[in-house]
PDB file of N, CA and C in Angstrom:
ATOM      1  N   MET A   1       0.846  -1.171  -0.014  1.00  0.00           N
ATOM      2  CA  MET A   1       0.005   0.021  -0.005  1.00  0.00           C
ATOM      3  C   MET A   1       0.871   1.233  -0.006  1.00  0.00           C
ATOM      4  N   ASN A   2       0.304   2.264  -0.539  1.00  0.00           N
ATOM      5  CA  ASN A   2       1.023   3.543  -0.621  1.00  0.00           C
ATOM      6  C   ASN A   2       0.341   4.646   0.180  1.00  0.00           C
ATOM      7  N   GLY A   3       0.174   4.336   1.446  1.00  0.00           N
ATOM      8  CA  GLY A   3      -0.386   5.357   2.327  1.00  0.00           C
ATOM      9  C   GLY A   3      -1.916   5.284   2.395  1.00  0.00           C
ATOM     10  N   GLY A   4      -2.501   6.221   3.160  1.00  0.00           N
ATOM     11  CA  GLY A   4      -3.899   6.253   3.385  1.00  0.00           C
ATOM     12  C   GLY A   4      -4.668   7.003   2.363  1.00  0.00           C
ATOM     13  N   GLY A   5      -4.545   6.602   1.148  1.00  0.00           N
ATOM     14  CA  GLY A   5      -5.261   7.253   0.042  1.00  0.00           C
ATOM     15  C   GLY A   5      -6.505   6.515  -0.364  1.00  0.00           C
ATOM     16  N   ILE A   6      -7.108   7.010  -1.478  1.00  0.00           N
ATOM     17  CA  ILE A   6      -8.292   6.419  -2.100  1.00  0.00           C
ATOM     18  C   ILE A   6      -7.820   5.720  -3.347  1.00  0.00           C
ATOM     19  N   TYR A   7      -7.992   4.395  -3.388  1.00  0.00           N
ATOM     20  CA  TYR A   7      -7.343   3.559  -4.466  1.00  0.00           C
ATOM     21  C   TYR A   7      -8.338   3.293  -5.508  1.00  0.00           C
ATOM     22  N   PHE A   8      -7.895   3.284  -6.832  1.00  0.00           N
ATOM     23  CA  PHE A   8      -8.725   3.027  -7.985  1.00  0.00           C
ATOM     24  C   PHE A   8      -8.142   2.031  -8.923  1.00  0.00           C
ATOM     25  N   ALA A   9      -8.905   1.159  -9.429  1.00  0.00           N
ATOM     26  CA  ALA A   9      -8.547   0.228 -10.535  1.00  0.00           C
ATOM     27  C   ALA A   9      -8.975   0.894 -11.864  1.00  0.00           C
ATOM     28  N   THR A  10      -8.440   0.378 -12.964  1.00  0.00           N
ATOM     29  CA  THR A  10      -8.762   0.965 -14.240  1.00  0.00           C
ATOM     30  C   THR A  10      -9.920   0.264 -14.969  1.00  0.00           C
ATOM     31  N   CYS A  11     -10.315  -0.916 -14.470  1.00  0.00           N
ATOM     32  CA  CYS A  11     -11.470  -1.594 -15.056  1.00  0.00           C
ATOM     33  C   CYS A  11     -12.116  -2.513 -14.018  1.00  0.00           C
ATOM     34  N   PRO A  12     -13.388  -2.876 -14.192  1.00  0.00           N
ATOM     35  CA  PRO A  12     -14.085  -3.659 -13.184  1.00  0.00           C
ATOM     36  C   PRO A  12     -13.411  -5.040 -12.893  1.00  0.00           C
ATOM     37  N   GLU A  13     -12.876  -5.677 -13.921  1.00  0.00           N
ATOM     38  CA  GLU A  13     -12.209  -6.969 -13.683  1.00  0.00           C
ATOM     39  C   GLU A  13     -11.085  -6.876 -12.689  1.00  0.00           C
ATOM     40  N   HIS A  14     -10.384  -5.783 -12.671  1.00  0.00           N
ATOM     41  CA  HIS A  14      -9.278  -5.622 -11.735  1.00  0.00           C
ATOM     42  C   HIS A  14      -9.649  -5.391 -10.306  1.00  0.00           C
ATOM     43  N   THR A  15     -10.920  -4.977 -10.075  1.00  0.00           N
ATOM     44  CA  THR A  15     -11.281  -4.685  -8.736  1.00  0.00           C
ATOM     45  C   THR A  15     -11.352  -5.955  -7.849  1.00  0.00           C
ATOM     46  N   ASN A  16     -11.689  -7.084  -8.482  1.00  0.00           N
ATOM     47  CA  ASN A  16     -11.770  -8.342  -7.711  1.00  0.00           C
ATOM     48  C   ASN A  16     -10.455  -8.787  -7.172  1.00  0.00           C
ATOM     49  N   ARG A  17      -9.413  -8.385  -7.798  1.00  0.00           N
ATOM     50  CA  ARG A  17      -8.022  -8.785  -7.327  1.00  0.00           C
ATOM     51  C   ARG A  17      -7.382  -7.808  -6.395  1.00  0.00           C
ATOM     52  N   LYS A  18      -8.099  -6.717  -6.080  1.00  0.00           N
ATOM     53  CA  LYS A  18      -7.507  -5.651  -5.287  1.00  0.00           C
ATOM     54  C   LYS A  18      -8.170  -5.473  -3.923  1.00  0.00           C
ATOM     55  N   THR A  19      -9.015  -6.463  -3.535  1.00  0.00           N
ATOM     56  CA  THR A  19      -9.741  -6.325  -2.307  1.00  0.00           C
ATOM     57  C   THR A  19      -9.809  -7.713  -1.581  1.00  0.00           C
ATOM     58  N   GLN A  20     -10.044  -7.677  -0.318  1.00  0.00           N
ATOM     59  CA  GLN A  20     -10.241  -8.932   0.421  1.00  0.00           C
ATOM     60  C   GLN A  20     -11.694  -9.374   0.490  1.00  0.00           C
ATOM     61  N   HIS A  21     -12.588  -8.454   0.179  1.00  0.00           N
ATOM     62  CA  HIS A  21     -14.017  -8.751   0.242  1.00  0.00           C
ATOM     63  C   HIS A  21     -14.668  -8.374  -1.061  1.00  0.00           C
ATOM     64  N   SER A  22     -15.740  -9.065  -1.437  1.00  0.00           N
ATOM     65  CA  SER A  22     -16.486  -8.649  -2.630  1.00  0.00           C
ATOM     66  C   SER A  22     -17.676  -7.778  -2.228  1.00  0.00           C
ATOM     67  N   GLY A  23     -18.187  -7.081  -3.175  1.00  0.00           N
ATOM     68  CA  GLY A  23     -19.319  -6.178  -2.948  1.00  0.00           C
ATOM     69  C   GLY A  23     -19.533  -5.266  -4.132  1.00  0.00           C
ATOM     70  N   PRO A  24     -20.285  -4.180  -3.930  1.00  0.00           N
ATOM     71  CA  PRO A  24     -20.572  -3.281  -5.054  1.00  0.00           C
ATOM     72  C   PRO A  24     -19.289  -2.599  -5.528  1.00  0.00           C
ATOM     73  N   ILE A  25     -19.254  -2.279  -6.834  1.00  0.00           N
ATOM     74  CA  ILE A  25     -18.168  -1.567  -7.477  1.00  0.00           C
ATOM     75  C   ILE A  25     -18.685  -0.157  -7.664  1.00  0.00           C
ATOM     76  N   LEU A  26     -17.843   0.836  -7.312  1.00  0.00           N
ATOM     77  CA  LEU A  26     -18.204   2.223  -7.603  1.00  0.00           C
ATOM     78  C   LEU A  26     -17.435   2.689  -8.795  1.00  0.00           C
ATOM     79  N   GLU A  27     -18.141   3.340  -9.719  1.00  0.00           N
ATOM     80  CA  GLU A  27     -17.545   3.922 -10.922  1.00  0.00           C
ATOM     81  C   GLU A  27     -17.360   5.444 -10.608  1.00  0.00           C
ATOM     82  N   CYS A  28     -16.110   5.875 -10.718  1.00  0.00           N
ATOM     83  CA  CYS A  28     -15.796   7.273 -10.294  1.00  0.00           C
ATOM     84  C   CYS A  28     -15.087   8.050 -11.415  1.00  0.00           C
ATOM     85  N   GLN A  29     -15.315   9.312 -11.481  1.00  0.00           N
ATOM     86  CA  GLN A  29     -14.491  10.202 -12.270  1.00  0.00           C
ATOM     87  C   GLN A  29     -13.546  10.857 -11.272  1.00  0.00           C
ATOM     88  N   VAL A  30     -12.240  10.709 -11.587  1.00  0.00           N
ATOM     89  CA  VAL A  30     -11.215  11.180 -10.678  1.00  0.00           C
ATOM     90  C   VAL A  30     -10.280  12.114 -11.384  1.00  0.00           C
ATOM     91  N   TRP A  31      -9.949  13.273 -10.738  1.00  0.00           N
ATOM     92  CA  TRP A  31      -8.984  14.213 -11.259  1.00  0.00           C
ATOM     93  C   TRP A  31      -7.629  13.729 -10.741  1.00  0.00           C
ATOM     94  N   LEU A  32      -6.784  13.296 -11.661  1.00  0.00           N
ATOM     95  CA  LEU A  32      -5.443  12.797 -11.259  1.00  0.00           C
ATOM     96  C   LEU A  32      -4.390  13.897 -11.269  1.00  0.00           C
ATOM     97  N   GLY A  33      -4.534  14.924 -12.093  1.00  0.00           N
ATOM     98  CA  GLY A  33      -3.555  15.993 -12.115  1.00  0.00           C
ATOM     99  C   GLY A  33      -2.209  15.489 -12.569  1.00  0.00           C
ATOM    100  N   ARG A  34      -1.142  15.952 -11.816  1.00  0.00           N
ATOM    101  CA  ARG A  34       0.218  15.489 -12.091  1.00  0.00           C
ATOM    102  C   ARG A  34       0.457  14.172 -11.386  1.00  0.00           C
ATOM    103  N   VAL A  35       0.711  13.149 -12.216  1.00  0.00           N
ATOM    104  CA  VAL A  35       0.799  11.763 -11.655  1.00  0.00           C
ATOM    105  C   VAL A  35       2.237  11.322 -11.450  1.00  0.00           C
ATOM    106  N   LYS A  36       2.494  10.875 -10.231  1.00  0.00           N
ATOM    107  CA  LYS A  36       3.797  10.292  -9.907  1.00  0.00           C
ATOM    108  C   LYS A  36       3.721   8.801 -10.122  1.00  0.00           C
ATOM    109  N   THR A  37       4.534   8.263 -11.047  1.00  0.00           N
ATOM    110  CA  THR A  37       4.471   6.800 -11.345  1.00  0.00           C
ATOM    111  C   THR A  37       5.575   6.121 -10.563  1.00  0.00           C
ATOM    112  N   ILE A  38       5.181   5.082  -9.821  1.00  0.00           N
ATOM    113  CA  ILE A  38       6.120   4.294  -9.060  1.00  0.00           C
ATOM    114  C   ILE A  38       5.917   2.841  -9.307  1.00  0.00           C
ATOM    115  N   LYS A  39       6.899   2.033  -8.825  1.00  0.00           N
ATOM    116  CA  LYS A  39       6.776   0.599  -8.834  1.00  0.00           C
ATOM    117  C   LYS A  39       6.265   0.115  -7.496  1.00  0.00           C
ATOM    118  N   LYS A  40       5.737  -1.098  -7.399  1.00  0.00           N
ATOM    119  CA  LYS A  40       5.239  -1.644  -6.162  1.00  0.00           C
ATOM    120  C   LYS A  40       6.281  -1.613  -5.118  1.00  0.00           C
ATOM    121  N   THR A  41       7.527  -1.875  -5.482  1.00  0.00           N
ATOM    122  CA  THR A  41       8.629  -1.889  -4.529  1.00  0.00           C
ATOM    123  C   THR A  41       8.951  -0.513  -3.950  1.00  0.00           C
ATOM    124  N   GLU A  42       8.442   0.547  -4.579  1.00  0.00           N
ATOM    125  CA  GLU A  42       8.706   1.945  -4.163  1.00  0.00           C
ATOM    126  C   GLU A  42       7.572   2.518  -3.349  1.00  0.00           C
ATOM    127  N   CYS A  43       6.571   1.695  -2.971  1.00  0.00           N
ATOM    128  CA  CYS A  43       5.431   2.205  -2.167  1.00  0.00           C
ATOM    129  C   CYS A  43       5.912   2.699  -0.841  1.00  0.00           C
ATOM    130  N   ASP A  44       5.290   3.812  -0.403  1.00  0.00           N
ATOM    131  CA  ASP A  44       5.630   4.440   0.851  1.00  0.00           C
ATOM    132  C   ASP A  44       4.354   4.552   1.666  1.00  0.00           C
ATOM    133  N   THR A  45       4.239   3.767   2.783  1.00  0.00           N
ATOM    134  CA  THR A  45       3.038   3.775   3.543  1.00  0.00           C
ATOM    135  C   THR A  45       2.825   5.146   4.247  1.00  0.00           C
ATOM    136  N   LYS A  46       3.718   6.049   4.188  1.00  0.00           N
ATOM    137  CA  LYS A  46       3.596   7.371   4.859  1.00  0.00           C
ATOM    138  C   LYS A  46       3.187   8.453   3.874  1.00  0.00           C
ATOM    139  N   THR A  47       2.844   8.081   2.627  1.00  0.00           N
ATOM    140  CA  THR A  47       2.439   9.107   1.652  1.00  0.00           C
ATOM    141  C   THR A  47       1.188   9.814   2.088  1.00  0.00           C
ATOM    142  N   THR A  48       1.144  11.128   1.987  1.00  0.00           N
ATOM    143  CA  THR A  48      -0.047  11.915   2.315  1.00  0.00           C
ATOM    144  C   THR A  48      -0.218  12.960   1.231  1.00  0.00           C
ATOM    145  N   TRP A  49      -1.374  13.640   1.244  1.00  0.00           N
ATOM    146  CA  TRP A  49      -1.594  14.756   0.229  1.00  0.00           C
ATOM    147  C   TRP A  49      -0.555  15.822   0.429  1.00  0.00           C
ATOM    148  N   THR A  50      -0.205  16.193   1.630  1.00  0.00           N
ATOM    149  CA  THR A  50       0.777  17.253   1.876  1.00  0.00           C
ATOM    150  C   THR A  50       2.107  16.834   1.356  1.00  0.00           C
ATOM    151  N   LYS A  51       2.559  15.643   1.647  1.00  0.00           N
ATOM    152  CA  LYS A  51       3.869  15.151   1.141  1.00  0.00           C
ATOM    153  C   LYS A  51       3.905  15.095  -0.378  1.00  0.00           C
ATOM    154  N   LEU A  52       2.817  14.651  -1.000  1.00  0.00           N
ATOM    155  CA  LEU A  52       2.767  14.568  -2.487  1.00  0.00           C
ATOM    156  C   LEU A  52       2.824  15.970  -3.094  1.00  0.00           C
ATOM    157  N   GLN A  53       2.100  16.884  -2.480  1.00  0.00           N
ATOM    158  CA  GLN A  53       2.092  18.320  -2.968  1.00  0.00           C
ATOM    159  C   GLN A  53       3.463  18.946  -2.913  1.00  0.00           C
ATOM    160  N   LYS A  54       4.204  18.604  -1.851  1.00  0.00           N
ATOM    161  CA  LYS A  54       5.590  19.143  -1.767  1.00  0.00           C
ATOM    162  C   LYS A  54       6.512  18.600  -2.865  1.00  0.00           C
ATOM    163  N   GLU A  55       6.159  17.434  -3.368  1.00  0.00           N
ATOM    164  CA  GLU A  55       6.892  16.821  -4.482  1.00  0.00           C
ATOM    165  C   GLU A  55       6.304  17.277  -5.852  1.00  0.00           C
ATOM    166  N   GLU A  56       5.289  18.172  -5.799  1.00  0.00           N
ATOM    167  CA  GLU A  56       4.642  18.728  -7.013  1.00  0.00           C
ATOM    168  C   GLU A  56       3.863  17.707  -7.773  1.00  0.00           C
ATOM    169  N   PHE A  57       3.196  16.753  -7.047  1.00  0.00           N
ATOM    170  CA  PHE A  57       2.362  15.782  -7.661  1.00  0.00           C
ATOM    171  C   PHE A  57       0.999  15.793  -7.031  1.00  0.00           C
ATOM    172  N   ASP A  58      -0.030  15.296  -7.746  1.00  0.00           N
ATOM    173  CA  ASP A  58      -1.409  15.275  -7.285  1.00  0.00           C
ATOM    174  C   ASP A  58      -1.924  13.850  -6.985  1.00  0.00           C
ATOM    175  N   SER A  59      -1.260  12.873  -7.583  1.00  0.00           N
ATOM    176  CA  SER A  59      -1.734  11.476  -7.448  1.00  0.00           C
ATOM    177  C   SER A  59      -0.548  10.530  -7.701  1.00  0.00           C
ATOM    178  N   VAL A  60      -0.776   9.246  -7.408  1.00  0.00           N
ATOM    179  CA  VAL A  60       0.238   8.245  -7.606  1.00  0.00           C
ATOM    180  C   VAL A  60      -0.329   7.115  -8.527  1.00  0.00           C
ATOM    181  N   LYS A  61       0.493   6.675  -9.440  1.00  0.00           N
ATOM    182  CA  LYS A  61       0.125   5.470 -10.268  1.00  0.00           C
ATOM    183  C   LYS A  61       1.180   4.413  -9.875  1.00  0.00           C
ATOM    184  N   ILE A  62       0.651   3.245  -9.423  1.00  0.00           N
ATOM    185  CA  ILE A  62       1.479   2.094  -9.166  1.00  0.00           C
ATOM    186  C   ILE A  62       1.360   1.258 -10.374  1.00  0.00           C
ATOM    187  N   GLY A  63       2.407   1.266 -11.209  1.00  0.00           N
ATOM    188  CA  GLY A  63       2.280   0.788 -12.580  1.00  0.00           C
ATOM    189  C   GLY A  63       2.613  -0.710 -12.803  1.00  0.00           C
ATOM    190  N   ASP A  64       3.138  -1.400 -11.842  1.00  0.00           N
ATOM    191  CA  ASP A  64       3.587  -2.792 -12.125  1.00  0.00           C
ATOM    192  C   ASP A  64       2.801  -3.813 -11.378  1.00  0.00           C
ATOM    193  N   CYS A  65       1.570  -3.535 -11.029  1.00  0.00           N
ATOM    194  CA  CYS A  65       0.698  -4.488 -10.308  1.00  0.00           C
ATOM    195  C   CYS A  65       0.277  -5.600 -11.247  1.00  0.00           C
ATOM    196  N   TRP A  66       0.330  -6.837 -10.865  1.00  0.00           N
ATOM    197  CA  TRP A  66      -0.066  -7.924 -11.732  1.00  0.00           C
ATOM    198  C   TRP A  66      -1.519  -7.867 -12.111  1.00  0.00           C
ATOM    199  N   SER A  67      -2.343  -7.154 -11.316  1.00  0.00           N
ATOM    200  CA  SER A  67      -3.744  -7.089 -11.611  1.00  0.00           C
ATOM    201  C   SER A  67      -4.113  -5.723 -12.271  1.00  0.00           C
ATOM    202  N   GLY A  68      -3.123  -5.079 -12.895  1.00  0.00           N
ATOM    203  CA  GLY A  68      -3.397  -3.836 -13.589  1.00  0.00           C
ATOM    204  C   GLY A  68      -2.929  -2.632 -12.746  1.00  0.00           C
ATOM    205  N   ALA A  69      -2.764  -1.531 -13.411  1.00  0.00           N
ATOM    206  CA  ALA A  69      -2.310  -0.313 -12.728  1.00  0.00           C
ATOM    207  C   ALA A  69      -3.294   0.134 -11.665  1.00  0.00           C
ATOM    208  N   GLU A  70      -2.771   0.713 -10.656  1.00  0.00           N
ATOM    209  CA  GLU A  70      -3.551   1.241  -9.553  1.00  0.00           C
ATOM    210  C   GLU A  70      -3.271   2.737  -9.391  1.00  0.00           C
ATOM    211  N   TYR A  71      -4.300   3.511  -9.262  1.00  0.00           N
ATOM    212  CA  TYR A  71      -4.178   4.960  -9.072  1.00  0.00           C
ATOM    213  C   TYR A  71      -4.586   5.305  -7.670  1.00  0.00           C
ATOM    214  N   VAL A  72      -3.908   6.255  -7.013  1.00  0.00           N
ATOM    215  CA  VAL A  72      -4.210   6.643  -5.632  1.00  0.00           C
ATOM    216  C   VAL A  72      -4.251   8.147  -5.588  1.00  0.00           C
ATOM    217  N   VAL A  73      -5.321   8.645  -4.970  1.00  0.00           N
ATOM    218  CA  VAL A  73      -5.439  10.085  -4.667  1.00  0.00           C
ATOM    219  C   VAL A  73      -5.614  10.253  -3.134  1.00  0.00           C
ATOM    220  N   TYR A  74      -5.225  11.400  -2.653  1.00  0.00           N
ATOM    221  CA  TYR A  74      -5.194  11.620  -1.187  1.00  0.00           C
ATOM    222  C   TYR A  74      -6.085  12.731  -0.762  1.00  0.00           C
ATOM    223  N   ASN A  75      -6.961  13.239  -1.648  1.00  0.00           N
ATOM    224  CA  ASN A  75      -7.815  14.340  -1.348  1.00  0.00           C
ATOM    225  C   ASN A  75      -9.194  13.993  -1.919  1.00  0.00           C
ATOM    226  N   TRP A  76     -10.226  13.975  -1.076  1.00  0.00           N
ATOM    227  CA  TRP A  76     -11.579  13.614  -1.524  1.00  0.00           C
ATOM    228  C   TRP A  76     -12.085  14.532  -2.667  1.00  0.00           C
ATOM    229  N   ALA A  77     -11.591  15.793  -2.713  1.00  0.00           N
ATOM    230  CA  ALA A  77     -11.993  16.722  -3.753  1.00  0.00           C
ATOM    231  C   ALA A  77     -11.569  16.234  -5.141  1.00  0.00           C
ATOM    232  N   GLN A  78     -10.614  15.326  -5.219  1.00  0.00           N
ATOM    233  CA  GLN A  78     -10.168  14.779  -6.557  1.00  0.00           C
ATOM    234  C   GLN A  78     -11.205  13.794  -7.092  1.00  0.00           C
ATOM    235  N   VAL A  79     -12.076  13.260  -6.248  1.00  0.00           N
ATOM    236  CA  VAL A  79     -13.114  12.324  -6.738  1.00  0.00           C
ATOM    237  C   VAL A  79     -14.302  13.188  -7.145  1.00  0.00           C
ATOM    238  N   ARG A  80     -14.469  13.328  -8.468  1.00  0.00           N
ATOM    239  CA  ARG A  80     -15.471  14.245  -9.041  1.00  0.00           C
ATOM    240  C   ARG A  80     -16.886  13.734  -9.061  1.00  0.00           C
ATOM    241  N   SER A  81     -17.076  12.435  -9.328  1.00  0.00           N
ATOM    242  CA  SER A  81     -18.400  11.885  -9.256  1.00  0.00           C
ATOM    243  C   SER A  81     -18.297  10.392  -8.908  1.00  0.00           C
ATOM    244  N   VAL A  82     -19.340   9.864  -8.284  1.00  0.00           N
ATOM    245  CA  VAL A  82     -19.424   8.466  -7.879  1.00  0.00           C
ATOM    246  C   VAL A  82     -20.756   7.945  -8.207  1.00  0.00           C
ATOM    247  N   LYS A  83     -20.772   6.771  -8.837  1.00  0.00           N
ATOM    248  CA  LYS A  83     -22.085   6.088  -9.058  1.00  0.00           C
ATOM    249  C   LYS A  83     -21.816   4.597  -8.963  1.00  0.00           C
ATOM    250  N   LEU A  84     -22.897   3.888  -8.637  1.00  0.00           N
ATOM    251  CA  LEU A  84     -22.851   2.459  -8.533  1.00  0.00           C
ATOM    252  C   LEU A  84     -22.601   1.845  -9.946  1.00  0.00           C
ATOM    253  N   TYR A  85     -21.592   1.029 -10.103  1.00  0.00           N
ATOM    254  CA  TYR A  85     -21.318   0.429 -11.405  1.00  0.00           C
ATOM    255  C   TYR A  85     -22.308  -0.708 -11.628  1.00  0.00           C
ATOM    256  N   THR A  86     -22.896  -0.762 -12.827  1.00  0.00           N
ATOM    257  CA  THR A  86     -23.812  -1.801 -13.228  1.00  0.00           C
ATOM    258  C   THR A  86     -23.138  -2.540 -14.417  1.00  0.00           C
ATOM    259  N   PRO A  87     -22.779  -3.822 -14.143  1.00  0.00           N
ATOM    260  CA  PRO A  87     -22.076  -4.559 -15.239  1.00  0.00           C
ATOM    261  C   PRO A  87     -22.996  -4.731 -16.427  1.00  0.00           C
ATOM    262  N   PRO A  88     -22.446  -4.815 -17.655  1.00  0.00           N
ATOM    263  CA  PRO A  88     -23.284  -5.074 -18.868  1.00  0.00           C
ATOM    264  C   PRO A  88     -24.001  -6.425 -18.717  1.00  0.00           C
ATOM    265  N   THR A  89     -25.121  -6.529 -19.364  1.00  0.00           N
ATOM    266  CA  THR A  89     -25.856  -7.815 -19.342  1.00  0.00           C
ATOM    267  C   THR A  89     -25.307  -8.748 -20.358  1.00  0.00           C
ATOM    268  N   GLY A  90     -25.511 -10.046 -20.172  1.00  0.00           N
ATOM    269  CA  GLY A  90     -25.017 -11.061 -21.094  1.00  0.00           C
ATOM    270  C   GLY A  90     -23.967 -11.954 -20.429  1.00  0.00           C
ATOM    271  N   ASP A  91     -23.963 -13.225 -20.857  1.00  0.00           N
ATOM    272  CA  ASP A  91     -23.081 -14.219 -20.191  1.00  0.00           C
ATOM    273  C   ASP A  91     -21.623 -13.831 -20.329  1.00  0.00           C
ATOM    274  N   ALA A  92     -21.214 -13.286 -21.454  1.00  0.00           N
ATOM    275  CA  ALA A  92     -19.784 -12.970 -21.701  1.00  0.00           C
ATOM    276  C   ALA A  92     -19.267 -11.842 -20.839  1.00  0.00           C
ATOM    277  N   ASP A  93     -20.227 -11.044 -20.328  1.00  0.00           N
ATOM    278  CA  ASP A  93     -19.784  -9.876 -19.590  1.00  0.00           C
ATOM    279  C   ASP A  93     -19.969  -9.939 -18.060  1.00  0.00           C
ATOM    280  N   VAL A  94     -20.084 -11.125 -17.536  1.00  0.00           N
ATOM    281  CA  VAL A  94     -20.281 -11.276 -16.104  1.00  0.00           C
ATOM    282  C   VAL A  94     -18.958 -11.117 -15.377  1.00  0.00           C
ATOM    283  N   TYR A  95     -18.947 -10.332 -14.326  1.00  0.00           N
ATOM    284  CA  TYR A  95     -17.796 -10.112 -13.487  1.00  0.00           C
ATOM    285  C   TYR A  95     -17.991 -10.759 -12.154  1.00  0.00           C
ATOM    286  N   VAL A  96     -17.099 -11.564 -11.697  1.00  0.00           N
ATOM    287  CA  VAL A  96     -17.270 -12.292 -10.399  1.00  0.00           C
ATOM    288  C   VAL A  96     -16.305 -11.688  -9.371  1.00  0.00           C
TER     289      VAL A  96
END
């Protein structure tokens, strides 16, 4: 983990691999701004909004996750909209 931020996957399939519990998926519009890209081995559990701003970044992308890239923001104002994700209908589009 990279601190106490709000974590986002890039697609619904990746959310199942990024949590210990299943449940609803939220679809969000997120303002990432200036993105700091790091590797999993570079994660810092003490990352905060203030610390990131001092480095002149607005969000973090953890780019080498086996389950897809992970984006992290540290300010609720960066989450522009939230809605409950409804998966497409049809057998081929079922997400477990």
